């Protein structure tokens, strides 16, 4: 019988890239892992960035996230990425039309 290996792990580095890039000195390794655990990374994909242009929208979003996740001592790293062609994404387009109809 042959030994079974994970094909994704076997090909990692040749056909795929690693999902995480961070480095630490060996003596600080455990501290860096703890810092990484205490931080919540949130990536928001938005089709129309002008929806977040009003004053205090990002801070309000961060407060809502903290309430939703019930985090006490965790830091948030929020990054906003614009979708290249939002008019080709039906769910984004539907939400945008609903937003315009409400306002």
PDB file of N, CA and C in Angstrom:
ATOM      1  N   UNK A   1       0.827  -1.178   0.000  1.00  0.00           N
ATOM      2  CA  UNK A   1       0.000   0.000   0.000  1.00  0.00           C
ATOM      3  C   UNK A   1       0.874   1.246   0.000  1.00  0.00           C
ATOM      4  N   UNK A   2       0.454   2.220  -0.774  1.00  0.00           N
ATOM      5  CA  UNK A   2       1.200   3.467  -0.834  1.00  0.00           C
ATOM      6  C   UNK A   2       0.837   4.400   0.308  1.00  0.00           C
ATOM      7  N   UNK A   3       1.738   5.281   0.596  1.00  0.00           N
ATOM      8  CA  UNK A   3       1.490   6.271   1.638  1.00  0.00           C
ATOM      9  C   UNK A   3       0.662   7.410   1.048  1.00  0.00           C
ATOM     10  N   UNK A   4      -0.389   7.788   1.723  1.00  0.00           N
ATOM     11  CA  UNK A   4      -1.268   8.851   1.250  1.00  0.00           C
ATOM     12  C   UNK A   4      -0.748  10.196   1.750  1.00  0.00           C
ATOM     13  N   UNK A   5      -0.707  11.158   0.856  1.00  0.00           N
ATOM     14  CA  UNK A   5      -0.317  12.512   1.235  1.00  0.00           C
ATOM     15  C   UNK A   5      -1.399  13.476   0.771  1.00  0.00           C
ATOM     16  N   UNK A   6      -1.416  14.629   1.376  1.00  0.00           N
ATOM     17  CA  UNK A   6      -2.350  15.667   0.974  1.00  0.00           C
ATOM     18  C   UNK A   6      -1.823  16.316  -0.301  1.00  0.00           C
ATOM     19  N   UNK A   7      -2.560  16.279  -1.407  1.00  0.00           N
ATOM     20  CA  UNK A   7      -2.047  16.829  -2.657  1.00  0.00           C
ATOM     21  C   UNK A   7      -1.843  18.337  -2.614  1.00  0.00           C
ATOM     22  N   UNK A   8      -2.662  19.045  -1.830  1.00  0.00           N
ATOM     23  CA  UNK A   8      -2.472  20.492  -1.743  1.00  0.00           C
ATOM     24  C   UNK A   8      -1.195  20.832  -0.989  1.00  0.00           C
ATOM     25  N   UNK A   9      -0.939  20.131   0.097  1.00  0.00           N
ATOM     26  CA  UNK A   9       0.283  20.361   0.857  1.00  0.00           C
ATOM     27  C   UNK A   9       1.521  19.950   0.084  1.00  0.00           C
ATOM     28  N   UNK A  10       1.401  18.923  -0.723  1.00  0.00           N
ATOM     29  CA  UNK A  10       2.530  18.442  -1.511  1.00  0.00           C
ATOM     30  C   UNK A  10       2.918  19.451  -2.588  1.00  0.00           C
ATOM     31  N   UNK A  11       1.934  20.118  -3.163  1.00  0.00           N
ATOM     32  CA  UNK A  11       2.194  21.056  -4.258  1.00  0.00           C
ATOM     33  C   UNK A  11       2.375  22.493  -3.793  1.00  0.00           C
ATOM     34  N   UNK A  12       2.239  22.745  -2.507  1.00  0.00           N
ATOM     35  CA  UNK A  12       2.334  24.100  -1.993  1.00  0.00           C
ATOM     36  C   UNK A  12       3.711  24.669  -2.287  1.00  0.00           C
ATOM     37  N   UNK A  13       3.745  25.820  -2.881  1.00  0.00           N
ATOM     38  CA  UNK A  13       5.002  26.451  -3.247  1.00  0.00           C
ATOM     39  C   UNK A  13       5.340  26.264  -4.711  1.00  0.00           C
ATOM     40  N   UNK A  14       4.803  25.241  -5.357  1.00  0.00           N
ATOM     41  CA  UNK A  14       5.077  25.050  -6.783  1.00  0.00           C
ATOM     42  C   UNK A  14       3.896  25.504  -7.636  1.00  0.00           C
ATOM     43  N   UNK A  15       2.693  25.103  -7.271  1.00  0.00           N
ATOM     44  CA  UNK A  15       1.522  25.497  -8.055  1.00  0.00           C
ATOM     45  C   UNK A  15       0.642  26.498  -7.328  1.00  0.00           C
ATOM     46  N   UNK A  16       0.830  26.660  -6.027  1.00  0.00           N
ATOM     47  CA  UNK A  16       0.021  27.585  -5.234  1.00  0.00           C
ATOM     48  C   UNK A  16       0.933  28.441  -4.379  1.00  0.00           C
ATOM     49  N   UNK A  17       0.369  29.540  -3.894  1.00  0.00           N
ATOM     50  CA  UNK A  17       1.101  30.399  -2.970  1.00  0.00           C
ATOM     51  C   UNK A  17       0.578  30.157  -1.563  1.00  0.00           C
ATOM     52  N   UNK A  18       1.390  30.492  -0.589  1.00  0.00           N
ATOM     53  CA  UNK A  18       0.971  30.390   0.805  1.00  0.00           C
ATOM     54  C   UNK A  18      -0.099  31.437   1.081  1.00  0.00           C
ATOM     55  N   UNK A  19      -1.028  31.137   1.974  1.00  0.00           N
ATOM     56  CA  UNK A  19      -2.099  32.065   2.303  1.00  0.00           C
ATOM     57  C   UNK A  19      -1.650  33.120   3.311  1.00  0.00           C
ATOM     58  N   UNK A  20      -0.582  32.885   4.003  1.00  0.00           N
ATOM     59  CA  UNK A  20      -0.158  33.794   5.053  1.00  0.00           C
ATOM     60  C   UNK A  20       1.343  34.039   4.946  1.00  0.00           C
ATOM     61  N   UNK A  21       1.733  35.313   5.083  1.00  0.00           N
ATOM     62  CA  UNK A  21       3.143  35.664   5.070  1.00  0.00           C
ATOM     63  C   UNK A  21       3.441  36.493   6.316  1.00  0.00           C
ATOM     64  N   UNK A  22       4.162  35.950   7.243  1.00  0.00           N
ATOM     65  CA  UNK A  22       4.661  36.708   8.369  1.00  0.00           C
ATOM     66  C   UNK A  22       5.858  35.976   8.943  1.00  0.00           C
ATOM     67  N   UNK A  23       6.763  36.745   9.488  1.00  0.00           N
ATOM     68  CA  UNK A  23       8.011  36.189   9.987  1.00  0.00           C
ATOM     69  C   UNK A  23       8.248  36.693  11.401  1.00  0.00           C
ATOM     70  N   UNK A  24       8.904  35.888  12.205  1.00  0.00           N
ATOM     71  CA  UNK A  24       9.242  36.274  13.569  1.00  0.00           C
ATOM     72  C   UNK A  24      10.563  35.618  13.948  1.00  0.00           C
ATOM     73  N   UNK A  25      11.277  36.270  14.826  1.00  0.00           N
ATOM     74  CA  UNK A  25      12.502  35.693  15.355  1.00  0.00           C
ATOM     75  C   UNK A  25      12.122  34.501  16.237  1.00  0.00           C
ATOM     76  N   UNK A  26      12.956  33.481  16.309  1.00  0.00           N
ATOM     77  CA  UNK A  26      12.602  32.295  17.102  1.00  0.00           C
ATOM     78  C   UNK A  26      12.275  32.597  18.564  1.00  0.00           C
ATOM     79  N   UNK A  27      12.968  33.551  19.173  1.00  0.00           N
ATOM     80  CA  UNK A  27      12.694  33.829  20.585  1.00  0.00           C
ATOM     81  C   UNK A  27      11.373  34.590  20.776  1.00  0.00           C
ATOM     82  N   UNK A  28      10.872  35.275  19.738  1.00  0.00           N
ATOM     83  CA  UNK A  28       9.619  36.031  19.833  1.00  0.00           C
ATOM     84  C   UNK A  28       8.452  35.325  19.150  1.00  0.00           C
ATOM     85  N   UNK A  29       8.644  34.086  18.764  1.00  0.00           N
ATOM     86  CA  UNK A  29       7.648  33.383  17.956  1.00  0.00           C
ATOM     87  C   UNK A  29       6.307  33.248  18.671  1.00  0.00           C
ATOM     88  N   UNK A  30       6.331  32.841  19.936  1.00  0.00           N
ATOM     89  CA  UNK A  30       5.072  32.646  20.669  1.00  0.00           C
ATOM     90  C   UNK A  30       4.346  33.970  20.896  1.00  0.00           C
ATOM     91  N   UNK A  31       5.087  35.056  21.110  1.00  0.00           N
ATOM     92  CA  UNK A  31       4.459  36.366  21.291  1.00  0.00           C
ATOM     93  C   UNK A  31       3.771  36.819  20.007  1.00  0.00           C
ATOM     94  N   UNK A  32       4.417  36.586  18.877  1.00  0.00           N
ATOM     95  CA  UNK A  32       3.836  36.986  17.594  1.00  0.00           C
ATOM     96  C   UNK A  32       2.581  36.184  17.283  1.00  0.00           C
ATOM     97  N   UNK A  33       2.582  34.907  17.625  1.00  0.00           N
ATOM     98  CA  UNK A  33       1.379  34.096  17.407  1.00  0.00           C
ATOM     99  C   UNK A  33       0.238  34.620  18.270  1.00  0.00           C
ATOM    100  N   UNK A  34       0.522  34.988  19.513  1.00  0.00           N
ATOM    101  CA  UNK A  34      -0.518  35.522  20.392  1.00  0.00           C
ATOM    102  C   UNK A  34      -1.051  36.843  19.846  1.00  0.00           C
ATOM    103  N   UNK A  35      -0.173  37.701  19.315  1.00  0.00           N
ATOM    104  CA  UNK A  35      -0.625  38.961  18.727  1.00  0.00           C
ATOM    105  C   UNK A  35      -1.526  38.699  17.530  1.00  0.00           C
ATOM    106  N   UNK A  36      -1.176  37.697  16.739  1.00  0.00           N
ATOM    107  CA  UNK A  36      -1.976  37.359  15.563  1.00  0.00           C
ATOM    108  C   UNK A  36      -3.339  36.809  15.974  1.00  0.00           C
ATOM    109  N   UNK A  37      -3.394  36.066  17.058  1.00  0.00           N
ATOM    110  CA  UNK A  37      -4.664  35.522  17.541  1.00  0.00           C
ATOM    111  C   UNK A  37      -5.562  36.640  18.061  1.00  0.00           C
ATOM    112  N   UNK A  38      -4.971  37.661  18.680  1.00  0.00           N
ATOM    113  CA  UNK A  38      -5.752  38.746  19.261  1.00  0.00           C
ATOM    114  C   UNK A  38      -6.277  39.735  18.228  1.00  0.00           C
ATOM    115  N   UNK A  39      -5.863  39.616  16.980  1.00  0.00           N
ATOM    116  CA  UNK A  39      -6.289  40.534  15.932  1.00  0.00           C
ATOM    117  C   UNK A  39      -7.273  39.839  15.003  1.00  0.00           C
ATOM    118  N   UNK A  40      -8.378  40.498  14.736  1.00  0.00           N
ATOM    119  CA  UNK A  40      -9.364  39.981  13.793  1.00  0.00           C
ATOM    120  C   UNK A  40      -9.215  40.768  12.497  1.00  0.00           C
ATOM    121  N   UNK A  41      -8.954  40.055  11.409  1.00  0.00           N
ATOM    122  CA  UNK A  41      -8.800  40.687  10.101  1.00  0.00           C
ATOM    123  C   UNK A  41     -10.127  40.610   9.359  1.00  0.00           C
ATOM    124  N   UNK A  42     -10.617  41.768   8.926  1.00  0.00           N
ATOM    125  CA  UNK A  42     -11.878  41.834   8.197  1.00  0.00           C
ATOM    126  C   UNK A  42     -11.608  42.500   6.857  1.00  0.00           C
ATOM    127  N   UNK A  43     -11.976  41.820   5.780  1.00  0.00           N
ATOM    128  CA  UNK A  43     -11.836  42.382   4.438  1.00  0.00           C
ATOM    129  C   UNK A  43     -13.238  42.613   3.899  1.00  0.00           C
ATOM    130  N   UNK A  44     -13.525  43.860   3.545  1.00  0.00           N
ATOM    131  CA  UNK A  44     -14.834  44.216   3.018  1.00  0.00           C
ATOM    132  C   UNK A  44     -14.677  44.474   1.528  1.00  0.00           C
ATOM    133  N   UNK A  45     -15.404  43.711   0.732  1.00  0.00           N
ATOM    134  CA  UNK A  45     -15.419  43.915  -0.710  1.00  0.00           C
ATOM    135  C   UNK A  45     -16.633  44.786  -1.016  1.00  0.00           C
ATOM    136  N   UNK A  46     -16.387  45.968  -1.562  1.00  0.00           N
ATOM    137  CA  UNK A  46     -17.475  46.911  -1.795  1.00  0.00           C
ATOM    138  C   UNK A  46     -17.468  47.328  -3.261  1.00  0.00           C
ATOM    139  N   UNK A  47     -18.644  47.394  -3.833  1.00  0.00           N
ATOM    140  CA  UNK A  47     -18.770  47.763  -5.234  1.00  0.00           C
ATOM    141  C   UNK A  47     -18.792  49.264  -5.433  1.00  0.00           C
ATOM    142  N   UNK A  48     -19.379  49.980  -4.479  1.00  0.00           N
ATOM    143  CA  UNK A  48     -19.525  51.422  -4.600  1.00  0.00           C
ATOM    144  C   UNK A  48     -18.961  52.078  -3.340  1.00  0.00           C
ATOM    145  N   UNK A  49     -17.696  52.511  -3.364  1.00  0.00           N
ATOM    146  CA  UNK A  49     -17.070  53.060  -2.157  1.00  0.00           C
ATOM    147  C   UNK A  49     -17.697  54.360  -1.673  1.00  0.00           C
ATOM    148  N   UNK A  50     -18.465  55.036  -2.522  1.00  0.00           N
ATOM    149  CA  UNK A  50     -19.074  56.292  -2.076  1.00  0.00           C
ATOM    150  C   UNK A  50     -20.126  56.069  -0.991  1.00  0.00           C
ATOM    151  N   UNK A  51     -20.536  54.813  -0.770  1.00  0.00           N
ATOM    152  CA  UNK A  51     -21.484  54.528   0.306  1.00  0.00           C
ATOM    153  C   UNK A  51     -20.844  54.694   1.681  1.00  0.00           C
ATOM    154  N   UNK A  52     -19.524  54.583   1.756  1.00  0.00           N
ATOM    155  CA  UNK A  52     -18.825  54.729   3.039  1.00  0.00           C
ATOM    156  C   UNK A  52     -18.177  56.099   3.191  1.00  0.00           C
ATOM    157  N   UNK A  53     -18.504  57.049   2.333  1.00  0.00           N
ATOM    158  CA  UNK A  53     -17.862  58.358   2.382  1.00  0.00           C
ATOM    159  C   UNK A  53     -18.417  59.255   3.481  1.00  0.00           C
ATOM    160  N   UNK A  54     -19.602  58.932   4.002  1.00  0.00           N
ATOM    161  CA  UNK A  54     -20.152  59.828   5.015  1.00  0.00           C
ATOM    162  C   UNK A  54     -19.298  59.763   6.277  1.00  0.00           C
ATOM    163  N   UNK A  55     -19.331  60.836   7.015  1.00  0.00           N
ATOM    164  CA  UNK A  55     -18.454  60.995   8.170  1.00  0.00           C
ATOM    165  C   UNK A  55     -18.770  59.966   9.254  1.00  0.00           C
ATOM    166  N   UNK A  56     -17.756  59.273   9.719  1.00  0.00           N
ATOM    167  CA  UNK A  56     -17.907  58.316  10.803  1.00  0.00           C
ATOM    168  C   UNK A  56     -18.433  56.955  10.390  1.00  0.00           C
ATOM    169  N   UNK A  57     -18.503  56.680   9.099  1.00  0.00           N
ATOM    170  CA  UNK A  57     -19.059  55.397   8.638  1.00  0.00           C
ATOM    171  C   UNK A  57     -18.155  54.229   9.022  1.00  0.00           C
ATOM    172  N   UNK A  58     -16.841  54.421   8.907  1.00  0.00           N
ATOM    173  CA  UNK A  58     -15.902  53.342   9.230  1.00  0.00           C
ATOM    174  C   UNK A  58     -15.936  53.051  10.731  1.00  0.00           C
ATOM    175  N   UNK A  59     -15.962  54.099  11.551  1.00  0.00           N
ATOM    176  CA  UNK A  59     -16.001  53.905  13.001  1.00  0.00           C
ATOM    177  C   UNK A  59     -17.302  53.223  13.423  1.00  0.00           C
ATOM    178  N   UNK A  60     -18.397  53.609  12.790  1.00  0.00           N
ATOM    179  CA  UNK A  60     -19.685  52.976  13.086  1.00  0.00           C
ATOM    180  C   UNK A  60     -19.666  51.501  12.693  1.00  0.00           C
ATOM    181  N   UNK A  61     -19.046  51.209  11.568  1.00  0.00           N
ATOM    182  CA  UNK A  61     -18.919  49.830  11.112  1.00  0.00           C
ATOM    183  C   UNK A  61     -18.086  49.008  12.092  1.00  0.00           C
ATOM    184  N   UNK A  62     -17.010  49.596  12.605  1.00  0.00           N
ATOM    185  CA  UNK A  62     -16.160  48.897  13.571  1.00  0.00           C
ATOM    186  C   UNK A  62     -16.915  48.624  14.874  1.00  0.00           C
ATOM    187  N   UNK A  63     -17.703  49.588  15.342  1.00  0.00           N
ATOM    188  CA  UNK A  63     -18.505  49.378  16.555  1.00  0.00           C
ATOM    189  C   UNK A  63     -19.518  48.260  16.353  1.00  0.00           C
ATOM    190  N   UNK A  64     -20.168  48.262  15.185  1.00  0.00           N
ATOM    191  CA  UNK A  64     -21.149  47.211  14.895  1.00  0.00           C
ATOM    192  C   UNK A  64     -20.492  45.837  14.845  1.00  0.00           C
ATOM    193  N   UNK A  65     -19.295  45.765  14.274  1.00  0.00           N
ATOM    194  CA  UNK A  65     -18.569  44.490  14.226  1.00  0.00           C
ATOM    195  C   UNK A  65     -18.210  44.005  15.624  1.00  0.00           C
ATOM    196  N   UNK A  66     -17.753  44.918  16.481  1.00  0.00           N
ATOM    197  CA  UNK A  66     -17.402  44.526  17.840  1.00  0.00           C
ATOM    198  C   UNK A  66     -18.622  44.029  18.602  1.00  0.00           C
ATOM    199  N   UNK A  67     -19.774  44.663  18.381  1.00  0.00           N
ATOM    200  CA  UNK A  67     -20.999  44.196  19.032  1.00  0.00           C
ATOM    201  C   UNK A  67     -21.413  42.830  18.506  1.00  0.00           C
ATOM    202  N   UNK A  68     -21.319  42.648  17.207  1.00  0.00           N
ATOM    203  CA  UNK A  68     -21.762  41.399  16.582  1.00  0.00           C
ATOM    204  C   UNK A  68     -20.897  40.216  17.002  1.00  0.00           C
ATOM    205  N   UNK A  69     -19.584  40.450  17.093  1.00  0.00           N
ATOM    206  CA  UNK A  69     -18.657  39.364  17.410  1.00  0.00           C
ATOM    207  C   UNK A  69     -18.499  39.189  18.916  1.00  0.00           C
ATOM    208  N   UNK A  70     -18.924  40.162  19.705  1.00  0.00           N
ATOM    209  CA  UNK A  70     -18.781  40.138  21.165  1.00  0.00           C
ATOM    210  C   UNK A  70     -17.318  40.021  21.579  1.00  0.00           C
ATOM    211  N   UNK A  71     -16.482  40.840  20.982  1.00  0.00           N
ATOM    212  CA  UNK A  71     -15.060  40.798  21.316  1.00  0.00           C
ATOM    213  C   UNK A  71     -14.750  41.883  22.337  1.00  0.00           C
ATOM    214  N   UNK A  72     -13.933  41.522  23.314  1.00  0.00           N
ATOM    215  CA  UNK A  72     -13.603  42.462  24.372  1.00  0.00           C
ATOM    216  C   UNK A  72     -12.198  43.016  24.176  1.00  0.00           C
ATOM    217  N   UNK A  73     -11.215  42.146  24.123  1.00  0.00           N
ATOM    218  CA  UNK A  73      -9.827  42.589  24.049  1.00  0.00           C
ATOM    219  C   UNK A  73      -9.193  42.261  22.703  1.00  0.00           C
ATOM    220  N   UNK A  74      -9.967  42.302  21.652  1.00  0.00           N
ATOM    221  CA  UNK A  74      -9.407  41.985  20.348  1.00  0.00           C
ATOM    222  C   UNK A  74      -9.369  43.235  19.485  1.00  0.00           C
ATOM    223  N   UNK A  75      -8.317  43.325  18.695  1.00  0.00           N
ATOM    224  CA  UNK A  75      -8.163  44.445  17.779  1.00  0.00           C
ATOM    225  C   UNK A  75      -8.731  44.053  16.420  1.00  0.00           C
ATOM    226  N   UNK A  76      -9.219  45.042  15.700  1.00  0.00           N
ATOM    227  CA  UNK A  76      -9.735  44.816  14.365  1.00  0.00           C
ATOM    228  C   UNK A  76      -8.792  45.426  13.343  1.00  0.00           C
ATOM    229  N   UNK A  77      -8.590  44.716  12.266  1.00  0.00           N
ATOM    230  CA  UNK A  77      -7.860  45.241  11.126  1.00  0.00           C
ATOM    231  C   UNK A  77      -8.841  45.214   9.960  1.00  0.00           C
ATOM    232  N   UNK A  78      -9.445  46.360   9.666  1.00  0.00           N
ATOM    233  CA  UNK A  78     -10.452  46.438   8.616  1.00  0.00           C
ATOM    234  C   UNK A  78      -9.806  46.994   7.361  1.00  0.00           C
ATOM    235  N   UNK A  79      -9.949  46.257   6.266  1.00  0.00           N
ATOM    236  CA  UNK A  79      -9.485  46.763   4.979  1.00  0.00           C
ATOM    237  C   UNK A  79     -10.637  46.691   3.991  1.00  0.00           C
ATOM    238  N   UNK A  80     -10.716  47.718   3.155  1.00  0.00           N
ATOM    239  CA  UNK A  80     -11.803  47.813   2.192  1.00  0.00           C
ATOM    240  C   UNK A  80     -11.218  47.680   0.797  1.00  0.00           C
ATOM    241  N   UNK A  81     -11.744  46.726   0.039  1.00  0.00           N
ATOM    242  CA  UNK A  81     -11.292  46.502  -1.330  1.00  0.00           C
ATOM    243  C   UNK A  81     -12.457  46.751  -2.275  1.00  0.00           C
ATOM    244  N   UNK A  82     -12.173  47.488  -3.340  1.00  0.00           N
ATOM    245  CA  UNK A  82     -13.210  47.810  -4.316  1.00  0.00           C
ATOM    246  C   UNK A  82     -13.333  46.673  -5.321  1.00  0.00           C
ATOM    247  N   UNK A  83     -14.559  46.281  -5.616  1.00  0.00           N
ATOM    248  CA  UNK A  83     -14.818  45.271  -6.641  1.00  0.00           C
ATOM    249  C   UNK A  83     -14.615  45.942  -7.993  1.00  0.00           C
ATOM    250  N   UNK A  84     -13.898  45.279  -8.893  1.00  0.00           N
ATOM    251  CA  UNK A  84     -13.537  45.907 -10.164  1.00  0.00           C
ATOM    252  C   UNK A  84     -14.748  46.269 -11.020  1.00  0.00           C
ATOM    253  N   UNK A  85     -15.658  45.360 -11.221  1.00  0.00           N
ATOM    254  CA  UNK A  85     -16.827  45.621 -12.062  1.00  0.00           C
ATOM    255  C   UNK A  85     -18.099  45.311 -11.268  1.00  0.00           C
ATOM    256  N   UNK A  86     -18.567  46.273 -10.469  1.00  0.00           N
ATOM    257  CA  UNK A  86     -19.715  45.984  -9.608  1.00  0.00           C
ATOM    258  C   UNK A  86     -21.017  45.764 -10.374  1.00  0.00           C
ATOM    259  N   UNK A  87     -21.125  46.317 -11.575  1.00  0.00           N
ATOM    260  CA  UNK A  87     -22.363  46.144 -12.335  1.00  0.00           C
ATOM    261  C   UNK A  87     -22.497  44.743 -12.910  1.00  0.00           C
ATOM    262  N   UNK A  88     -21.460  43.936 -12.816  1.00  0.00           N
ATOM    263  CA  UNK A  88     -21.533  42.545 -13.259  1.00  0.00           C
ATOM    264  C   UNK A  88     -21.800  41.584 -12.102  1.00  0.00           C
ATOM    265  N   UNK A  89     -21.882  42.103 -10.892  1.00  0.00           N
ATOM    266  CA  UNK A  89     -22.175  41.295  -9.707  1.00  0.00           C
ATOM    267  C   UNK A  89     -23.638  41.519  -9.328  1.00  0.00           C
ATOM    268  N   UNK A  90     -24.511  40.546  -9.552  1.00  0.00           N
ATOM    269  CA  UNK A  90     -25.944  40.777  -9.328  1.00  0.00           C
ATOM    270  C   UNK A  90     -26.314  41.089  -7.882  1.00  0.00           C
ATOM    271  N   UNK A  91     -25.634  40.482  -6.916  1.00  0.00           N
ATOM    272  CA  UNK A  91     -25.994  40.760  -5.518  1.00  0.00           C
ATOM    273  C   UNK A  91     -25.604  42.176  -5.115  1.00  0.00           C
ATOM    274  N   UNK A  92     -24.469  42.662  -5.592  1.00  0.00           N
ATOM    275  CA  UNK A  92     -24.051  44.036  -5.284  1.00  0.00           C
ATOM    276  C   UNK A  92     -24.991  45.019  -5.962  1.00  0.00           C
ATOM    277  N   UNK A  93     -25.332  44.747  -7.197  1.00  0.00           N
ATOM    278  CA  UNK A  93     -26.227  45.623  -7.943  1.00  0.00           C
ATOM    279  C   UNK A  93     -27.612  45.681  -7.291  1.00  0.00           C
ATOM    280  N   UNK A  94     -28.122  44.550  -6.834  1.00  0.00           N
ATOM    281  CA  UNK A  94     -29.434  44.520  -6.181  1.00  0.00           C
ATOM    282  C   UNK A  94     -29.420  45.318  -4.877  1.00  0.00           C
ATOM    283  N   UNK A  95     -28.361  45.186  -4.092  1.00  0.00           N
ATOM    284  CA  UNK A  95     -28.264  45.948  -2.845  1.00  0.00           C
ATOM    285  C   UNK A  95     -28.159  47.441  -3.120  1.00  0.00           C
ATOM    286  N   UNK A  96     -27.432  47.808  -4.166  1.00  0.00           N
ATOM    287  CA  UNK A  96     -27.275  49.224  -4.506  1.00  0.00           C
ATOM    288  C   UNK A  96     -28.609  49.819  -4.956  1.00  0.00           C
ATOM    289  N   UNK A  97     -29.366  49.081  -5.757  1.00  0.00           N
ATOM    290  CA  UNK A  97     -30.678  49.561  -6.196  1.00  0.00           C
ATOM    291  C   UNK A  97     -31.617  49.692  -4.999  1.00  0.00           C
ATOM    292  N   UNK A  98     -31.586  48.728  -4.089  1.00  0.00           N
ATOM    293  CA  UNK A  98     -32.420  48.800  -2.885  1.00  0.00           C
ATOM    294  C   UNK A  98     -32.036  50.000  -2.028  1.00  0.00           C
ATOM    295  N   UNK A  99     -30.748  50.283  -1.928  1.00  0.00           N
ATOM    296  CA  UNK A  99     -30.274  51.436  -1.159  1.00  0.00           C
ATOM    297  C   UNK A  99     -30.773  52.734  -1.780  1.00  0.00           C
ATOM    298  N   UNK A 100     -30.729  52.823  -3.113  1.00  0.00           N
ATOM    299  CA  UNK A 100     -31.200  54.033  -3.787  1.00  0.00           C
ATOM    300  C   UNK A 100     -32.708  54.208  -3.621  1.00  0.00           C
ATOM    301  N   UNK A 101     -33.455  53.115  -3.627  1.00  0.00           N
ATOM    302  CA  UNK A 101     -34.902  53.218  -3.466  1.00  0.00           C
ATOM    303  C   UNK A 101     -35.290  53.645  -2.049  1.00  0.00           C
ATOM    304  N   UNK A 102     -34.502  53.238  -1.058  1.00  0.00           N
ATOM    305  CA  UNK A 102     -34.790  53.628   0.325  1.00  0.00           C
ATOM    306  C   UNK A 102     -34.543  55.114   0.539  1.00  0.00           C
ATOM    307  N   UNK A 103     -33.508  55.643  -0.093  1.00  0.00           N
ATOM    308  CA  UNK A 103     -33.124  57.044   0.151  1.00  0.00           C
ATOM    309  C   UNK A 103     -33.642  57.929  -0.911  1.00  0.00           C
TER     310      UNK A 103
END
